[in-house]
Amino acid sequence: MLGNECDAEQLRQWKIDADAGDQHAQLLLGQHYMKLAQLDAEPQTNANQGVLFLVKSSKQGNEEATKLLIDCLNKELG
């Protein structure tokens, strides 16, 4: 599961958009946090954040987020 590369400004914009309910931004943030977790950067904290955003996106019908959540469940992440 690879998140998209981003800089601080892009990450800030994703957070703004995700908080406004943008399911794509929620997916991108979920992927970003899951990637950080896999890189051992505070794995539990980042995995939990990733799952939170993926759940928000999945609840809005984002199929990719749902698939990633299933993957997280199978790998016991988040």
PDB file of N, CA and C in Angstrom:
ATOM      1  N   MET A   1       0.854  -1.174   0.000  1.00  0.00           N
ATOM      2  CA  MET A   1       0.000   0.000   0.000  1.00  0.00           C
ATOM      3  C   MET A   1       0.894   1.231   0.000  1.00  0.00           C
ATOM      4  N   LEU A   2       0.928   1.972  -1.052  1.00  0.00           N
ATOM      5  CA  LEU A   2       1.790   3.129  -1.147  1.00  0.00           C
ATOM      6  C   LEU A   2       0.963   4.387  -1.215  1.00  0.00           C
ATOM      7  N   GLY A   3       1.282   5.331  -0.346  1.00  0.00           N
ATOM      8  CA  GLY A   3       0.626   6.621  -0.404  1.00  0.00           C
ATOM      9  C   GLY A   3       1.323   7.498  -1.424  1.00  0.00           C
ATOM     10  N   ASN A   4       0.723   8.584  -1.752  1.00  0.00           N
ATOM     11  CA  ASN A   4       1.328   9.499  -2.703  1.00  0.00           C
ATOM     12  C   ASN A   4       2.370  10.348  -1.991  1.00  0.00           C
ATOM     13  N   GLU A   5       3.460  10.623  -2.714  1.00  0.00           N
ATOM     14  CA  GLU A   5       4.479  11.508  -2.169  1.00  0.00           C
ATOM     15  C   GLU A   5       3.884  12.912  -2.070  1.00  0.00           C
ATOM     16  N   CYS A   6       4.250  13.641  -1.019  1.00  0.00           N
ATOM     17  CA  CYS A   6       3.730  14.994  -0.903  1.00  0.00           C
ATOM     18  C   CYS A   6       4.684  15.849  -0.094  1.00  0.00           C
ATOM     19  N   ASP A   7       4.577  17.146  -0.294  1.00  0.00           N
ATOM     20  CA  ASP A   7       5.340  18.079   0.508  1.00  0.00           C
ATOM     21  C   ASP A   7       4.417  18.636   1.600  1.00  0.00           C
ATOM     22  N   ALA A   8       4.952  19.466   2.441  1.00  0.00           N
ATOM     23  CA  ALA A   8       4.185  19.997   3.572  1.00  0.00           C
ATOM     24  C   ALA A   8       2.950  20.768   3.117  1.00  0.00           C
ATOM     25  N   GLU A   9       3.081  21.533   2.040  1.00  0.00           N
ATOM     26  CA  GLU A   9       1.948  22.325   1.547  1.00  0.00           C
ATOM     27  C   GLU A   9       0.842  21.415   1.014  1.00  0.00           C
ATOM     28  N   GLN A  10       1.231  20.373   0.273  1.00  0.00           N
ATOM     29  CA  GLN A  10       0.247  19.438  -0.258  1.00  0.00           C
ATOM     30  C   GLN A  10      -0.464  18.713   0.886  1.00  0.00           C
ATOM     31  N   LEU A  11       0.293  18.304   1.887  1.00  0.00           N
ATOM     32  CA  LEU A  11      -0.280  17.624   3.046  1.00  0.00           C
ATOM     33  C   LEU A  11      -1.280  18.535   3.765  1.00  0.00           C
ATOM     34  N   ARG A  12      -0.921  19.805   3.907  1.00  0.00           N
ATOM     35  CA  ARG A  12      -1.820  20.772   4.550  1.00  0.00           C
ATOM     36  C   ARG A  12      -3.120  20.903   3.751  1.00  0.00           C
ATOM     37  N   GLN A  13      -3.002  20.955   2.422  1.00  0.00           N
ATOM     38  CA  GLN A  13      -4.197  21.081   1.588  1.00  0.00           C
ATOM     39  C   GLN A  13      -5.062  19.833   1.676  1.00  0.00           C
ATOM     40  N   TRP A  14      -4.444  18.655   1.680  1.00  0.00           N
ATOM     41  CA  TRP A  14      -5.211  17.410   1.835  1.00  0.00           C
ATOM     42  C   TRP A  14      -5.983  17.420   3.139  1.00  0.00           C
ATOM     43  N   LYS A  15      -5.350  17.907   4.216  1.00  0.00           N
ATOM     44  CA  LYS A  15      -6.028  17.942   5.524  1.00  0.00           C
ATOM     45  C   LYS A  15      -7.226  18.882   5.485  1.00  0.00           C
ATOM     46  N   ILE A  16      -7.044  20.031   4.872  1.00  0.00           N
ATOM     47  CA  ILE A  16      -8.157  20.986   4.754  1.00  0.00           C
ATOM     48  C   ILE A  16      -9.300  20.346   3.980  1.00  0.00           C
ATOM     49  N   ASP A  17      -8.973  19.760   2.831  1.00  0.00           N
ATOM     50  CA  ASP A  17      -9.993  19.142   1.988  1.00  0.00           C
ATOM     51  C   ASP A  17     -10.650  17.944   2.685  1.00  0.00           C
ATOM     52  N   ALA A  18      -9.843  17.133   3.358  1.00  0.00           N
ATOM     53  CA  ALA A  18     -10.384  15.964   4.070  1.00  0.00           C
ATOM     54  C   ALA A  18     -11.336  16.399   5.170  1.00  0.00           C
ATOM     55  N   ASP A  19     -10.955  17.435   5.912  1.00  0.00           N
ATOM     56  CA  ASP A  19     -11.828  17.934   6.977  1.00  0.00           C
ATOM     57  C   ASP A  19     -13.124  18.513   6.424  1.00  0.00           C
ATOM     58  N   ALA A  20     -13.086  18.961   5.161  1.00  0.00           N
ATOM     59  CA  ALA A  20     -14.285  19.489   4.512  1.00  0.00           C
ATOM     60  C   ALA A  20     -15.136  18.374   3.906  1.00  0.00           C
ATOM     61  N   GLY A  21     -14.656  17.117   4.029  1.00  0.00           N
ATOM     62  CA  GLY A  21     -15.449  15.989   3.559  1.00  0.00           C
ATOM     63  C   GLY A  21     -15.057  15.434   2.201  1.00  0.00           C
ATOM     64  N   ASP A  22     -13.945  15.882   1.650  1.00  0.00           N
ATOM     65  CA  ASP A  22     -13.499  15.405   0.334  1.00  0.00           C
ATOM     66  C   ASP A  22     -12.978  13.969   0.460  1.00  0.00           C
ATOM     67  N   GLN A  23     -13.714  13.020  -0.128  1.00  0.00           N
ATOM     68  CA  GLN A  23     -13.348  11.614   0.016  1.00  0.00           C
ATOM     69  C   GLN A  23     -12.012  11.279  -0.636  1.00  0.00           C
ATOM     70  N   HIS A  24     -11.661  11.965  -1.714  1.00  0.00           N
ATOM     71  CA  HIS A  24     -10.378  11.699  -2.358  1.00  0.00           C
ATOM     72  C   HIS A  24      -9.221  12.170  -1.467  1.00  0.00           C
ATOM     73  N   ALA A  25      -9.357  13.331  -0.863  1.00  0.00           N
ATOM     74  CA  ALA A  25      -8.331  13.829   0.053  1.00  0.00           C
ATOM     75  C   ALA A  25      -8.219  12.903   1.266  1.00  0.00           C
ATOM     76  N   GLN A  26      -9.350  12.392   1.734  1.00  0.00           N
ATOM     77  CA  GLN A  26      -9.331  11.445   2.848  1.00  0.00           C
ATOM     78  C   GLN A  26      -8.568  10.179   2.459  1.00  0.00           C
ATOM     79  N   LEU A  27      -8.797   9.703   1.240  1.00  0.00           N
ATOM     80  CA  LEU A  27      -8.073   8.534   0.733  1.00  0.00           C
ATOM     81  C   LEU A  27      -6.576   8.826   0.682  1.00  0.00           C
ATOM     82  N   LEU A  28      -6.201   9.975   0.123  1.00  0.00           N
ATOM     83  CA  LEU A  28      -4.787  10.330   0.013  1.00  0.00           C
ATOM     84  C   LEU A  28      -4.129  10.430   1.386  1.00  0.00           C
ATOM     85  N   LEU A  29      -4.806  11.032   2.338  1.00  0.00           N
ATOM     86  CA  LEU A  29      -4.255  11.118   3.693  1.00  0.00           C
ATOM     87  C   LEU A  29      -4.145   9.741   4.331  1.00  0.00           C
ATOM     88  N   GLY A  30      -5.145   8.921   4.127  1.00  0.00           N
ATOM     89  CA  GLY A  30      -5.088   7.562   4.653  1.00  0.00           C
ATOM     90  C   GLY A  30      -3.891   6.818   4.102  1.00  0.00           C
ATOM     91  N   GLN A  31      -3.677   6.918   2.798  1.00  0.00           N
ATOM     92  CA  GLN A  31      -2.524   6.269   2.171  1.00  0.00           C
ATOM     93  C   GLN A  31      -1.219   6.845   2.711  1.00  0.00           C
ATOM     94  N   HIS A  32      -1.170   8.147   2.882  1.00  0.00           N
ATOM     95  CA  HIS A  32       0.032   8.809   3.386  1.00  0.00           C
ATOM     96  C   HIS A  32       0.391   8.281   4.782  1.00  0.00           C
ATOM     97  N   TYR A  33      -0.581   8.259   5.671  1.00  0.00           N
ATOM     98  CA  TYR A  33      -0.310   7.791   7.036  1.00  0.00           C
ATOM     99  C   TYR A  33       0.033   6.305   7.077  1.00  0.00           C
ATOM    100  N   MET A  34      -0.581   5.507   6.222  1.00  0.00           N
ATOM    101  CA  MET A  34      -0.254   4.084   6.192  1.00  0.00           C
ATOM    102  C   MET A  34       1.164   3.871   5.678  1.00  0.00           C
ATOM    103  N   LYS A  35       1.583   4.692   4.724  1.00  0.00           N
ATOM    104  CA  LYS A  35       2.959   4.597   4.230  1.00  0.00           C
ATOM    105  C   LYS A  35       3.940   4.946   5.350  1.00  0.00           C
ATOM    106  N   LEU A  36       3.640   6.006   6.092  1.00  0.00           N
ATOM    107  CA  LEU A  36       4.503   6.365   7.221  1.00  0.00           C
ATOM    108  C   LEU A  36       4.578   5.226   8.232  1.00  0.00           C
ATOM    109  N   ALA A  37       3.450   4.588   8.489  1.00  0.00           N
ATOM    110  CA  ALA A  37       3.418   3.477   9.447  1.00  0.00           C
ATOM    111  C   ALA A  37       4.301   2.329   8.969  1.00  0.00           C
ATOM    112  N   GLN A  38       4.280   2.067   7.679  1.00  0.00           N
ATOM    113  CA  GLN A  38       5.091   0.977   7.128  1.00  0.00           C
ATOM    114  C   GLN A  38       6.572   1.307   7.134  1.00  0.00           C
ATOM    115  N   LEU A  39       6.905   2.591   7.188  1.00  0.00           N
ATOM    116  CA  LEU A  39       8.301   3.021   7.245  1.00  0.00           C
ATOM    117  C   LEU A  39       8.796   3.117   8.686  1.00  0.00           C
ATOM    118  N   ASP A  40       8.004   2.610   9.609  1.00  0.00           N
ATOM    119  CA  ASP A  40       8.336   2.609  11.039  1.00  0.00           C
ATOM    120  C   ASP A  40       8.422   3.996  11.652  1.00  0.00           C
ATOM    121  N   ALA A  41       7.711   4.935  11.094  1.00  0.00           N
ATOM    122  CA  ALA A  41       7.625   6.267  11.670  1.00  0.00           C
ATOM    123  C   ALA A  41       6.392   6.298  12.569  1.00  0.00           C
ATOM    124  N   GLU A  42       6.585   6.043  13.864  1.00  0.00           N
ATOM    125  CA  GLU A  42       5.470   5.934  14.804  1.00  0.00           C
ATOM    126  C   GLU A  42       4.379   5.047  14.214  1.00  0.00           C
ATOM    127  N   PRO A  43       4.683   3.775  14.005  1.00  0.00           N
ATOM    128  CA  PRO A  43       3.778   2.902  13.249  1.00  0.00           C
ATOM    129  C   PRO A  43       2.347   2.827  13.767  1.00  0.00           C
ATOM    130  N   GLN A  44       2.153   2.691  15.053  1.00  0.00           N
ATOM    131  CA  GLN A  44       0.784   2.553  15.554  1.00  0.00           C
ATOM    132  C   GLN A  44       0.004   3.850  15.414  1.00  0.00           C
ATOM    133  N   THR A  45       0.625   4.958  15.739  1.00  0.00           N
ATOM    134  CA  THR A  45      -0.037   6.261  15.638  1.00  0.00           C
ATOM    135  C   THR A  45      -0.410   6.563  14.192  1.00  0.00           C
ATOM    136  N   ASN A  46       0.531   6.368  13.276  1.00  0.00           N
ATOM    137  CA  ASN A  46       0.264   6.653  11.869  1.00  0.00           C
ATOM    138  C   ASN A  46      -0.739   5.678  11.273  1.00  0.00           C
ATOM    139  N   ALA A  47      -0.668   4.411  11.656  1.00  0.00           N
ATOM    140  CA  ALA A  47      -1.638   3.436  11.157  1.00  0.00           C
ATOM    141  C   ALA A  47      -3.042   3.798  11.631  1.00  0.00           C
ATOM    142  N   ASN A  48      -3.162   4.203  12.881  1.00  0.00           N
ATOM    143  CA  ASN A  48      -4.471   4.603  13.407  1.00  0.00           C
ATOM    144  C   ASN A  48      -5.025   5.812  12.650  1.00  0.00           C
ATOM    145  N   GLN A  49      -4.161   6.801  12.383  1.00  0.00           N
ATOM    146  CA  GLN A  49      -4.586   7.980  11.620  1.00  0.00           C
ATOM    147  C   GLN A  49      -4.990   7.574  10.215  1.00  0.00           C
ATOM    148  N   GLY A  50      -4.203   6.705   9.613  1.00  0.00           N
ATOM    149  CA  GLY A  50      -4.511   6.246   8.265  1.00  0.00           C
ATOM    150  C   GLY A  50      -5.862   5.573   8.188  1.00  0.00           C
ATOM    151  N   VAL A  51      -6.124   4.695   9.135  1.00  0.00           N
ATOM    152  CA  VAL A  51      -7.408   3.981   9.155  1.00  0.00           C
ATOM    153  C   VAL A  51      -8.554   4.962   9.345  1.00  0.00           C
ATOM    154  N   LEU A  52      -8.380   5.946  10.200  1.00  0.00           N
ATOM    155  CA  LEU A  52      -9.441   6.941  10.416  1.00  0.00           C
ATOM    156  C   LEU A  52      -9.842   7.613   9.104  1.00  0.00           C
ATOM    157  N   PHE A  53      -8.846   8.059   8.336  1.00  0.00           N
ATOM    158  CA  PHE A  53      -9.155   8.730   7.073  1.00  0.00           C
ATOM    159  C   PHE A  53      -9.706   7.755   6.043  1.00  0.00           C
ATOM    160  N   LEU A  54      -9.208   6.532   6.021  1.00  0.00           N
ATOM    161  CA  LEU A  54      -9.737   5.546   5.076  1.00  0.00           C
ATOM    162  C   LEU A  54     -11.189   5.202   5.393  1.00  0.00           C
ATOM    163  N   VAL A  55     -11.534   5.123   6.665  1.00  0.00           N
ATOM    164  CA  VAL A  55     -12.920   4.849   7.055  1.00  0.00           C
ATOM    165  C   VAL A  55     -13.827   5.984   6.581  1.00  0.00           C
ATOM    166  N   LYS A  56     -13.404   7.224   6.777  1.00  0.00           N
ATOM    167  CA  LYS A  56     -14.206   8.368   6.335  1.00  0.00           C
ATOM    168  C   LYS A  56     -14.450   8.303   4.832  1.00  0.00           C
ATOM    169  N   SER A  57     -13.395   8.002   4.089  1.00  0.00           N
ATOM    170  CA  SER A  57     -13.515   7.925   2.639  1.00  0.00           C
ATOM    171  C   SER A  57     -14.392   6.752   2.215  1.00  0.00           C
ATOM    172  N   SER A  58     -14.198   5.619   2.861  1.00  0.00           N
ATOM    173  CA  SER A  58     -14.976   4.416   2.547  1.00  0.00           C
ATOM    174  C   SER A  58     -16.462   4.640   2.810  1.00  0.00           C
ATOM    175  N   LYS A  59     -16.782   5.325   3.890  1.00  0.00           N
ATOM    176  CA  LYS A  59     -18.188   5.592   4.221  1.00  0.00           C
ATOM    177  C   LYS A  59     -18.871   6.438   3.153  1.00  0.00           C
ATOM    178  N   GLN A  60     -18.071   7.166   2.381  1.00  0.00           N
ATOM    179  CA  GLN A  60     -18.629   7.980   1.301  1.00  0.00           C
ATOM    180  C   GLN A  60     -18.653   7.217  -0.023  1.00  0.00           C
ATOM    181  N   GLY A  61     -18.322   5.938   0.038  1.00  0.00           N
ATOM    182  CA  GLY A  61     -18.420   5.106  -1.154  1.00  0.00           C
ATOM    183  C   GLY A  61     -17.135   4.930  -1.930  1.00  0.00           C
ATOM    184  N   ASN A  62     -16.010   5.352  -1.393  1.00  0.00           N
ATOM    185  CA  ASN A  62     -14.747   5.210  -2.102  1.00  0.00           C
ATOM    186  C   ASN A  62     -14.282   3.758  -2.025  1.00  0.00           C
ATOM    187  N   GLU A  63     -14.354   3.066  -3.148  1.00  0.00           N
ATOM    188  CA  GLU A  63     -14.037   1.636  -3.185  1.00  0.00           C
ATOM    189  C   GLU A  63     -12.564   1.349  -2.912  1.00  0.00           C
ATOM    190  N   GLU A  64     -11.686   2.222  -3.361  1.00  0.00           N
ATOM    191  CA  GLU A  64     -10.261   2.014  -3.106  1.00  0.00           C
ATOM    192  C   GLU A  64      -9.969   2.075  -1.603  1.00  0.00           C
ATOM    193  N   ALA A  65     -10.605   3.018  -0.918  1.00  0.00           N
ATOM    194  CA  ALA A  65     -10.432   3.123   0.531  1.00  0.00           C
ATOM    195  C   ALA A  65     -10.934   1.852   1.214  1.00  0.00           C
ATOM    196  N   THR A  66     -12.045   1.320   0.740  1.00  0.00           N
ATOM    197  CA  THR A  66     -12.589   0.089   1.313  1.00  0.00           C
ATOM    198  C   THR A  66     -11.612  -1.067   1.124  1.00  0.00           C
ATOM    199  N   LYS A  67     -11.023  -1.163  -0.058  1.00  0.00           N
ATOM    200  CA  LYS A  67     -10.037  -2.221  -0.317  1.00  0.00           C
ATOM    201  C   LYS A  67      -8.820  -2.073   0.588  1.00  0.00           C
ATOM    202  N   LEU A  68      -8.381  -0.842   0.789  1.00  0.00           N
ATOM    203  CA  LEU A  68      -7.235  -0.608   1.663  1.00  0.00           C
ATOM    204  C   LEU A  68      -7.561  -0.953   3.114  1.00  0.00           C
ATOM    205  N   LEU A  69      -8.780  -0.682   3.530  1.00  0.00           N
ATOM    206  CA  LEU A  69      -9.194  -1.047   4.886  1.00  0.00           C
ATOM    207  C   LEU A  69      -9.181  -2.568   5.071  1.00  0.00           C
ATOM    208  N   ILE A  70      -9.621  -3.292   4.066  1.00  0.00           N
ATOM    209  CA  ILE A  70      -9.584  -4.759   4.132  1.00  0.00           C
ATOM    210  C   ILE A  70      -8.140  -5.221   4.252  1.00  0.00           C
ATOM    211  N   ASP A  71      -7.250  -4.587   3.499  1.00  0.00           N
ATOM    212  CA  ASP A  71      -5.828  -4.908   3.570  1.00  0.00           C
ATOM    213  C   ASP A  71      -5.283  -4.611   4.973  1.00  0.00           C
ATOM    214  N   CYS A  72      -5.682  -3.495   5.550  1.00  0.00           N
ATOM    215  CA  CYS A  72      -5.254  -3.161   6.911  1.00  0.00           C
ATOM    216  C   CYS A  72      -5.743  -4.198   7.908  1.00  0.00           C
ATOM    217  N   LEU A  73      -6.967  -4.623   7.747  1.00  0.00           N
ATOM    218  CA  LEU A  73      -7.527  -5.638   8.634  1.00  0.00           C
ATOM    219  C   LEU A  73      -6.735  -6.934   8.525  1.00  0.00           C
ATOM    220  N   ASN A  74      -6.443  -7.356   7.309  1.00  0.00           N
ATOM    221  CA  ASN A  74      -5.702  -8.591   7.099  1.00  0.00           C
ATOM    222  C   ASN A  74      -4.288  -8.518   7.660  1.00  0.00           C
ATOM    223  N   LYS A  75      -3.689  -7.311   7.625  1.00  0.00           N
ATOM    224  CA  LYS A  75      -2.334  -7.129   8.133  1.00  0.00           C
ATOM    225  C   LYS A  75      -2.303  -6.670   9.583  1.00  0.00           C
ATOM    226  N   GLU A  76      -3.500  -6.513  10.170  1.00  0.00           N
ATOM    227  CA  GLU A  76      -3.649  -6.049  11.551  1.00  0.00           C
ATOM    228  C   GLU A  76      -2.949  -4.691  11.771  1.00  0.00           C
ATOM    229  N   LEU A  77      -3.222  -3.781  10.864  1.00  0.00           N
ATOM    230  CA  LEU A  77      -2.692  -2.419  10.963  1.00  0.00           C
ATOM    231  C   LEU A  77      -3.806  -1.466  11.364  1.00  0.00           C
ATOM    232  N   GLY A  78      -3.500  -0.585  12.290  1.00  0.00           N
ATOM    233  CA  GLY A  78      -4.451   0.453  12.664  1.00  0.00           C
ATOM    234  C   GLY A  78      -5.574   0.068  13.513  1.00  0.00           C
TER     235      GLY A  78
END
